[in-house]
Structure formats: structure tokens, C-alpha cells
Amino acid sequence: MGLSDYFKKVPEMNPDEVRNFLRQHNPEEYNLIDVRQPQEYRKYHLPGALLMPLKELRRNLADIDGSKPTIIY
């Protein structure tokens, strides 16, 4: 990952768009990443979401399948 990668525009979705995306796709077709803290994840995560706290995200990027769309919240 180069410096310029940090300045690329990333598509954003509002909650309704995410909801529609999740309804229209099989969970094996995308990555769903929850970047909150473990206690928040336990209480409020979306079904199928993988916990990857924001502080750990960079360290765990290799665990994310880059060939699939990724939704991070």
C-alpha cells in the first residue's frame, strides 16, 4: 500500500443503501467488517459481521478478501 492509496476516494453508502445491498447479496459475496470495540460488537453487530476494531484494521487487512466488496462500519 503506497501513500497515494490513503487519498483515494472511497464509495460511501447510507444505511438504506447498505440494507438493500445486504438483502440483495449472499453473505459469501461480500465482507462485512465492524470496527467498533468488542463490547459494542457484542451488543449491536449486524449478523455475519466480523469484528475488527479500528486500531487493528491495518494489521488485519490481509484477512479481508480483496476480491469481494467490503462494507466497514
PDB file of N, CA and C in Angstrom:
ATOM      1  N   MET A   1       0.847  -1.165   0.000  1.00  0.00           N
ATOM      2  CA  MET A   1       0.000   0.000   0.000  1.00  0.00           C
ATOM      3  C   MET A   1       0.895   1.232   0.000  1.00  0.00           C
ATOM      4  N   GLY A   2       0.714   2.075  -0.998  1.00  0.00           N
ATOM      5  CA  GLY A   2       1.508   3.280  -1.094  1.00  0.00           C
ATOM      6  C   GLY A   2       0.799   4.477  -0.496  1.00  0.00           C
ATOM      7  N   LEU A   3       1.532   5.565  -0.371  1.00  0.00           N
ATOM      8  CA  LEU A   3       0.988   6.789   0.200  1.00  0.00           C
ATOM      9  C   LEU A   3      -0.248   7.264  -0.555  1.00  0.00           C
ATOM     10  N   SER A   4      -0.236   7.148  -1.864  1.00  0.00           N
ATOM     11  CA  SER A   4      -1.375   7.621  -2.656  1.00  0.00           C
ATOM     12  C   SER A   4      -2.663   6.833  -2.368  1.00  0.00           C
ATOM     13  N   ASP A   5      -2.535   5.611  -1.881  1.00  0.00           N
ATOM     14  CA  ASP A   5      -3.721   4.811  -1.545  1.00  0.00           C
ATOM     15  C   ASP A   5      -4.546   5.445  -0.431  1.00  0.00           C
ATOM     16  N   TYR A   6      -3.908   6.242   0.409  1.00  0.00           N
ATOM     17  CA  TYR A   6      -4.618   6.878   1.509  1.00  0.00           C
ATOM     18  C   TYR A   6      -5.477   8.051   1.048  1.00  0.00           C
ATOM     19  N   PHE A   7      -5.297   8.480  -0.189  1.00  0.00           N
ATOM     20  CA  PHE A   7      -6.020   9.641  -0.696  1.00  0.00           C
ATOM     21  C   PHE A   7      -7.035   9.290  -1.770  1.00  0.00           C
ATOM     22  N   LYS A   8      -7.261   8.028  -2.011  1.00  0.00           N
ATOM     23  CA  LYS A   8      -8.261   7.601  -2.988  1.00  0.00           C
ATOM     24  C   LYS A   8      -9.649   7.756  -2.393  1.00  0.00           C
ATOM     25  N   LYS A   9     -10.566   8.255  -3.209  1.00  0.00           N
ATOM     26  CA  LYS A   9     -11.954   8.383  -2.762  1.00  0.00           C
ATOM     27  C   LYS A   9     -12.553   6.992  -2.614  1.00  0.00           C
ATOM     28  N   VAL A  10     -13.233   6.787  -1.520  1.00  0.00           N
ATOM     29  CA  VAL A  10     -13.868   5.508  -1.224  1.00  0.00           C
ATOM     30  C   VAL A  10     -15.375   5.701  -1.335  1.00  0.00           C
ATOM     31  N   PRO A  11     -16.046   4.818  -2.067  1.00  0.00           N
ATOM     32  CA  PRO A  11     -17.516   4.957  -2.165  1.00  0.00           C
ATOM     33  C   PRO A  11     -18.166   4.853  -0.787  1.00  0.00           C
ATOM     34  N   GLU A  12     -19.174   5.645  -0.585  1.00  0.00           N
ATOM     35  CA  GLU A  12     -19.925   5.612   0.668  1.00  0.00           C
ATOM     36  C   GLU A  12     -21.349   5.173   0.390  1.00  0.00           C
ATOM     37  N   MET A  13     -21.964   4.564   1.393  1.00  0.00           N
ATOM     38  CA  MET A  13     -23.356   4.131   1.291  1.00  0.00           C
ATOM     39  C   MET A  13     -24.082   4.624   2.531  1.00  0.00           C
ATOM     40  N   ASN A  14     -25.317   5.048   2.342  1.00  0.00           N
ATOM     41  CA  ASN A  14     -26.108   5.413   3.509  1.00  0.00           C
ATOM     42  C   ASN A  14     -26.746   4.131   4.059  1.00  0.00           C
ATOM     43  N   PRO A  15     -27.348   4.188   5.245  1.00  0.00           N
ATOM     44  CA  PRO A  15     -27.903   2.964   5.847  1.00  0.00           C
ATOM     45  C   PRO A  15     -28.918   2.236   4.962  1.00  0.00           C
ATOM     46  N   ASP A  16     -29.756   2.968   4.247  1.00  0.00           N
ATOM     47  CA  ASP A  16     -30.732   2.305   3.370  1.00  0.00           C
ATOM     48  C   ASP A  16     -30.042   1.574   2.225  1.00  0.00           C
ATOM     49  N   GLU A  17     -28.992   2.169   1.685  1.00  0.00           N
ATOM     50  CA  GLU A  17     -28.247   1.515   0.608  1.00  0.00           C
ATOM     51  C   GLU A  17     -27.552   0.252   1.111  1.00  0.00           C
ATOM     52  N   VAL A  18     -27.002   0.310   2.303  1.00  0.00           N
ATOM     53  CA  VAL A  18     -26.372  -0.891   2.883  1.00  0.00           C
ATOM     54  C   VAL A  18     -27.421  -1.965   3.114  1.00  0.00           C
ATOM     55  N   ARG A  19     -28.535  -1.584   3.682  1.00  0.00           N
ATOM     56  CA  ARG A  19     -29.621  -2.538   3.937  1.00  0.00           C
ATOM     57  C   ARG A  19     -30.043  -3.230   2.634  1.00  0.00           C
ATOM     58  N   ASN A  20     -30.230  -2.458   1.581  1.00  0.00           N
ATOM     59  CA  ASN A  20     -30.615  -3.032   0.293  1.00  0.00           C
ATOM     60  C   ASN A  20     -29.532  -3.942  -0.262  1.00  0.00           C
ATOM     61  N   PHE A  21     -28.277  -3.523  -0.146  1.00  0.00           N
ATOM     62  CA  PHE A  21     -27.169  -4.343  -0.620  1.00  0.00           C
ATOM     63  C   PHE A  21     -27.159  -5.693   0.100  1.00  0.00           C
ATOM     64  N   LEU A  22     -27.279  -5.662   1.413  1.00  0.00           N
ATOM     65  CA  LEU A  22     -27.245  -6.902   2.195  1.00  0.00           C
ATOM     66  C   LEU A  22     -28.410  -7.821   1.847  1.00  0.00           C
ATOM     67  N   ARG A  23     -29.559  -7.250   1.570  1.00  0.00           N
ATOM     68  CA  ARG A  23     -30.727  -8.064   1.191  1.00  0.00           C
ATOM     69  C   ARG A  23     -30.552  -8.710  -0.180  1.00  0.00           C
ATOM     70  N   GLN A  24     -29.854  -8.033  -1.067  1.00  0.00           N
ATOM     71  CA  GLN A  24     -29.742  -8.489  -2.455  1.00  0.00           C
ATOM     72  C   GLN A  24     -28.544  -9.400  -2.703  1.00  0.00           C
ATOM     73  N   HIS A  25     -27.677  -9.564  -1.720  1.00  0.00           N
ATOM     74  CA  HIS A  25     -26.467 -10.363  -1.914  1.00  0.00           C
ATOM     75  C   HIS A  25     -26.344 -11.456  -0.862  1.00  0.00           C
ATOM     76  N   ASN A  26     -25.742 -12.539  -1.270  1.00  0.00           N
ATOM     77  CA  ASN A  26     -25.446 -13.654  -0.384  1.00  0.00           C
ATOM     78  C   ASN A  26     -24.262 -13.248   0.502  1.00  0.00           C
ATOM     79  N   PRO A  27     -24.275 -13.557   1.800  1.00  0.00           N
ATOM     80  CA  PRO A  27     -23.180 -13.168   2.689  1.00  0.00           C
ATOM     81  C   PRO A  27     -21.786 -13.624   2.233  1.00  0.00           C
ATOM     82  N   GLU A  28     -21.704 -14.671   1.445  1.00  0.00           N
ATOM     83  CA  GLU A  28     -20.406 -15.119   0.942  1.00  0.00           C
ATOM     84  C   GLU A  28     -19.870 -14.212  -0.163  1.00  0.00           C
ATOM     85  N   GLU A  29     -20.695 -13.281  -0.637  1.00  0.00           N
ATOM     86  CA  GLU A  29     -20.313 -12.410  -1.752  1.00  0.00           C
ATOM     87  C   GLU A  29     -19.661 -11.100  -1.301  1.00  0.00           C
ATOM     88  N   TYR A  30     -19.602 -10.844  -0.008  1.00  0.00           N
ATOM     89  CA  TYR A  30     -19.056  -9.573   0.476  1.00  0.00           C
ATOM     90  C   TYR A  30     -18.406  -9.754   1.844  1.00  0.00           C
ATOM     91  N   ASN A  31     -17.614  -8.758   2.234  1.00  0.00           N
ATOM     92  CA  ASN A  31     -17.013  -8.698   3.569  1.00  0.00           C
ATOM     93  C   ASN A  31     -17.788  -7.654   4.362  1.00  0.00           C
ATOM     94  N   LEU A  32     -18.173  -7.987   5.565  1.00  0.00           N
ATOM     95  CA  LEU A  32     -18.874  -7.065   6.453  1.00  0.00           C
ATOM     96  C   LEU A  32     -18.027  -6.939   7.714  1.00  0.00           C
ATOM     97  N   ILE A  33     -17.448  -5.760   7.922  1.00  0.00           N
ATOM     98  CA  ILE A  33     -16.477  -5.544   8.994  1.00  0.00           C
ATOM     99  C   ILE A  33     -17.002  -4.511   9.982  1.00  0.00           C
ATOM    100  N   ASP A  34     -17.049  -4.877  11.237  1.00  0.00           N
ATOM    101  CA  ASP A  34     -17.456  -3.976  12.325  1.00  0.00           C
ATOM    102  C   ASP A  34     -16.179  -3.505  13.014  1.00  0.00           C
ATOM    103  N   VAL A  35     -15.923  -2.192  12.976  1.00  0.00           N
ATOM    104  CA  VAL A  35     -14.665  -1.660  13.516  1.00  0.00           C
ATOM    105  C   VAL A  35     -14.803  -1.082  14.922  1.00  0.00           C
ATOM    106  N   ARG A  36     -15.918  -1.343  15.559  1.00  0.00           N
ATOM    107  CA  ARG A  36     -16.118  -0.824  16.912  1.00  0.00           C
ATOM    108  C   ARG A  36     -15.403  -1.701  17.938  1.00  0.00           C
ATOM    109  N   GLN A  37     -15.547  -1.343  19.186  1.00  0.00           N
ATOM    110  CA  GLN A  37     -14.917  -2.085  20.280  1.00  0.00           C
ATOM    111  C   GLN A  37     -15.705  -3.365  20.577  1.00  0.00           C
ATOM    112  N   PRO A  38     -15.051  -4.379  21.165  1.00  0.00           N
ATOM    113  CA  PRO A  38     -15.715  -5.663  21.417  1.00  0.00           C
ATOM    114  C   PRO A  38     -17.035  -5.552  22.171  1.00  0.00           C
ATOM    115  N   GLN A  39     -17.126  -4.692  23.181  1.00  0.00           N
ATOM    116  CA  GLN A  39     -18.374  -4.590  23.935  1.00  0.00           C
ATOM    117  C   GLN A  39     -19.511  -4.034  23.060  1.00  0.00           C
ATOM    118  N   GLU A  40     -19.196  -3.116  22.150  1.00  0.00           N
ATOM    119  CA  GLU A  40     -20.204  -2.597  21.232  1.00  0.00           C
ATOM    120  C   GLU A  40     -20.615  -3.674  20.234  1.00  0.00           C
ATOM    121  N   TYR A  41     -19.636  -4.424  19.749  1.00  0.00           N
ATOM    122  CA  TYR A  41     -19.907  -5.509  18.805  1.00  0.00           C
ATOM    123  C   TYR A  41     -20.852  -6.534  19.425  1.00  0.00           C
ATOM    124  N   ARG A  42     -20.587  -6.926  20.663  1.00  0.00           N
ATOM    125  CA  ARG A  42     -21.428  -7.929  21.326  1.00  0.00           C
ATOM    126  C   ARG A  42     -22.879  -7.464  21.424  1.00  0.00           C
ATOM    127  N   LYS A  43     -23.081  -6.171  21.628  1.00  0.00           N
ATOM    128  CA  LYS A  43     -24.440  -5.659  21.810  1.00  0.00           C
ATOM    129  C   LYS A  43     -25.157  -5.344  20.504  1.00  0.00           C
ATOM    130  N   TYR A  44     -24.418  -4.878  19.477  1.00  0.00           N
ATOM    131  CA  TYR A  44     -25.097  -4.261  18.338  1.00  0.00           C
ATOM    132  C   TYR A  44     -24.656  -4.701  16.950  1.00  0.00           C
ATOM    133  N   HIS A  45     -23.828  -5.707  16.772  1.00  0.00           N
ATOM    134  CA  HIS A  45     -23.319  -6.009  15.432  1.00  0.00           C
ATOM    135  C   HIS A  45     -24.390  -6.560  14.494  1.00  0.00           C
ATOM    136  N   LEU A  46     -24.149  -6.345  13.210  1.00  0.00           N
ATOM    137  CA  LEU A  46     -25.014  -6.912  12.192  1.00  0.00           C
ATOM    138  C   LEU A  46     -24.694  -8.398  12.054  1.00  0.00           C
ATOM    139  N   PRO A  47     -25.688  -9.235  11.799  1.00  0.00           N
ATOM    140  CA  PRO A  47     -25.422 -10.662  11.624  1.00  0.00           C
ATOM    141  C   PRO A  47     -24.389 -10.901  10.521  1.00  0.00           C
ATOM    142  N   GLY A  48     -23.414 -11.721  10.819  1.00  0.00           N
ATOM    143  CA  GLY A  48     -22.377 -12.057   9.852  1.00  0.00           C
ATOM    144  C   GLY A  48     -21.186 -11.118   9.844  1.00  0.00           C
ATOM    145  N   ALA A  49     -21.248 -10.044  10.622  1.00  0.00           N
ATOM    146  CA  ALA A  49     -20.141  -9.080  10.650  1.00  0.00           C
ATOM    147  C   ALA A  49     -18.944  -9.658  11.400  1.00  0.00           C
ATOM    148  N   LEU A  50     -17.779  -9.346  10.889  1.00  0.00           N
ATOM    149  CA  LEU A  50     -16.524  -9.752  11.522  1.00  0.00           C
ATOM    150  C   LEU A  50     -16.031  -8.589  12.371  1.00  0.00           C
ATOM    151  N   LEU A  51     -15.704  -8.845  13.619  1.00  0.00           N
ATOM    152  CA  LEU A  51     -15.155  -7.809  14.490  1.00  0.00           C
ATOM    153  C   LEU A  51     -13.695  -7.577  14.140  1.00  0.00           C
ATOM    154  N   MET A  52     -13.375  -6.320  13.830  1.00  0.00           N
ATOM    155  CA  MET A  52     -12.012  -5.921  13.540  1.00  0.00           C
ATOM    156  C   MET A  52     -11.874  -4.468  14.014  1.00  0.00           C
ATOM    157  N   PRO A  53     -11.637  -4.274  15.334  1.00  0.00           N
ATOM    158  CA  PRO A  53     -11.560  -2.910  15.861  1.00  0.00           C
ATOM    159  C   PRO A  53     -10.649  -2.018  15.018  1.00  0.00           C
ATOM    160  N   LEU A  54     -11.027  -0.776  14.910  1.00  0.00           N
ATOM    161  CA  LEU A  54     -10.326   0.173  14.054  1.00  0.00           C
ATOM    162  C   LEU A  54      -8.820   0.166  14.295  1.00  0.00           C
ATOM    163  N   LYS A  55      -8.401   0.071  15.544  1.00  0.00           N
ATOM    164  CA  LYS A  55      -6.965   0.048  15.858  1.00  0.00           C
ATOM    165  C   LYS A  55      -6.259  -1.156  15.238  1.00  0.00           C
ATOM    166  N   GLU A  56      -7.012  -2.230  14.983  1.00  0.00           N
ATOM    167  CA  GLU A  56      -6.433  -3.469  14.455  1.00  0.00           C
ATOM    168  C   GLU A  56      -6.639  -3.620  12.952  1.00  0.00           C
ATOM    169  N   LEU A  57      -7.388  -2.725  12.351  1.00  0.00           N
ATOM    170  CA  LEU A  57      -7.768  -2.873  10.952  1.00  0.00           C
ATOM    171  C   LEU A  57      -6.554  -2.994  10.034  1.00  0.00           C
ATOM    172  N   ARG A  58      -5.633  -2.078  10.140  1.00  0.00           N
ATOM    173  CA  ARG A  58      -4.461  -2.117   9.257  1.00  0.00           C
ATOM    174  C   ARG A  58      -3.682  -3.424   9.413  1.00  0.00           C
ATOM    175  N   ARG A  59      -3.526  -3.868  10.634  1.00  0.00           N
ATOM    176  CA  ARG A  59      -2.778  -5.107  10.912  1.00  0.00           C
ATOM    177  C   ARG A  59      -3.480  -6.330  10.318  1.00  0.00           C
ATOM    178  N   ASN A  60      -4.814  -6.260  10.182  1.00  0.00           N
ATOM    179  CA  ASN A  60      -5.590  -7.413   9.731  1.00  0.00           C
ATOM    180  C   ASN A  60      -6.083  -7.315   8.292  1.00  0.00           C
ATOM    181  N   LEU A  61      -5.588  -6.347   7.528  1.00  0.00           N
ATOM    182  CA  LEU A  61      -6.050  -6.181   6.150  1.00  0.00           C
ATOM    183  C   LEU A  61      -5.874  -7.441   5.312  1.00  0.00           C
ATOM    184  N   ALA A  62      -4.840  -8.203   5.576  1.00  0.00           N
ATOM    185  CA  ALA A  62      -4.598  -9.422   4.808  1.00  0.00           C
ATOM    186  C   ALA A  62      -5.698 -10.461   5.014  1.00  0.00           C
ATOM    187  N   ASP A  63      -6.472 -10.335   6.097  1.00  0.00           N
ATOM    188  CA  ASP A  63      -7.555 -11.281   6.375  1.00  0.00           C
ATOM    189  C   ASP A  63      -8.830 -10.955   5.606  1.00  0.00           C
ATOM    190  N   ILE A  64      -8.847  -9.819   4.918  1.00  0.00           N
ATOM    191  CA  ILE A  64     -10.034  -9.398   4.166  1.00  0.00           C
ATOM    192  C   ILE A  64      -9.855  -9.806   2.708  1.00  0.00           C
ATOM    193  N   ASP A  65     -10.835 -10.503   2.164  1.00  0.00           N
ATOM    194  CA  ASP A  65     -10.802 -10.932   0.777  1.00  0.00           C
ATOM    195  C   ASP A  65     -10.999  -9.723  -0.133  1.00  0.00           C
ATOM    196  N   GLY A  66      -9.921  -9.275  -0.754  1.00  0.00           N
ATOM    197  CA  GLY A  66      -9.957  -8.091  -1.597  1.00  0.00           C
ATOM    198  C   GLY A  66     -10.714  -8.261  -2.900  1.00  0.00           C
ATOM    199  N   SER A  67     -11.113  -9.472  -3.229  1.00  0.00           N
ATOM    200  CA  SER A  67     -11.870  -9.685  -4.464  1.00  0.00           C
ATOM    201  C   SER A  67     -13.370  -9.454  -4.260  1.00  0.00           C
ATOM    202  N   LYS A  68     -13.768  -9.233  -3.002  1.00  0.00           N
ATOM    203  CA  LYS A  68     -15.193  -9.007  -2.685  1.00  0.00           C
ATOM    204  C   LYS A  68     -15.408  -7.563  -2.258  1.00  0.00           C
ATOM    205  N   PRO A  69     -16.619  -7.043  -2.483  1.00  0.00           N
ATOM    206  CA  PRO A  69     -16.938  -5.729  -1.921  1.00  0.00           C
ATOM    207  C   PRO A  69     -16.833  -5.805  -0.390  1.00  0.00           C
ATOM    208  N   THR A  70     -16.389  -4.720   0.216  1.00  0.00           N
ATOM    209  CA  THR A  70     -16.239  -4.686   1.668  1.00  0.00           C
ATOM    210  C   THR A  70     -17.021  -3.521   2.233  1.00  0.00           C
ATOM    211  N   ILE A  71     -17.837  -3.822   3.206  1.00  0.00           N
ATOM    212  CA  ILE A  71     -18.594  -2.800   3.930  1.00  0.00           C
ATOM    213  C   ILE A  71     -18.003  -2.729   5.328  1.00  0.00           C
ATOM    214  N   ILE A  72     -17.544  -1.545   5.679  1.00  0.00           N
ATOM    215  CA  ILE A  72     -16.950  -1.323   7.007  1.00  0.00           C
ATOM    216  C   ILE A  72     -17.808  -0.325   7.746  1.00  0.00           C
ATOM    217  N   TYR A  73     -18.184  -0.692   8.957  1.00  0.00           N
ATOM    218  CA  TYR A  73     -18.976   0.246   9.770  1.00  0.00           C
ATOM    219  C   TYR A  73     -18.493   0.243  11.193  1.00  0.00           C
TER     220      TYR A  73
END
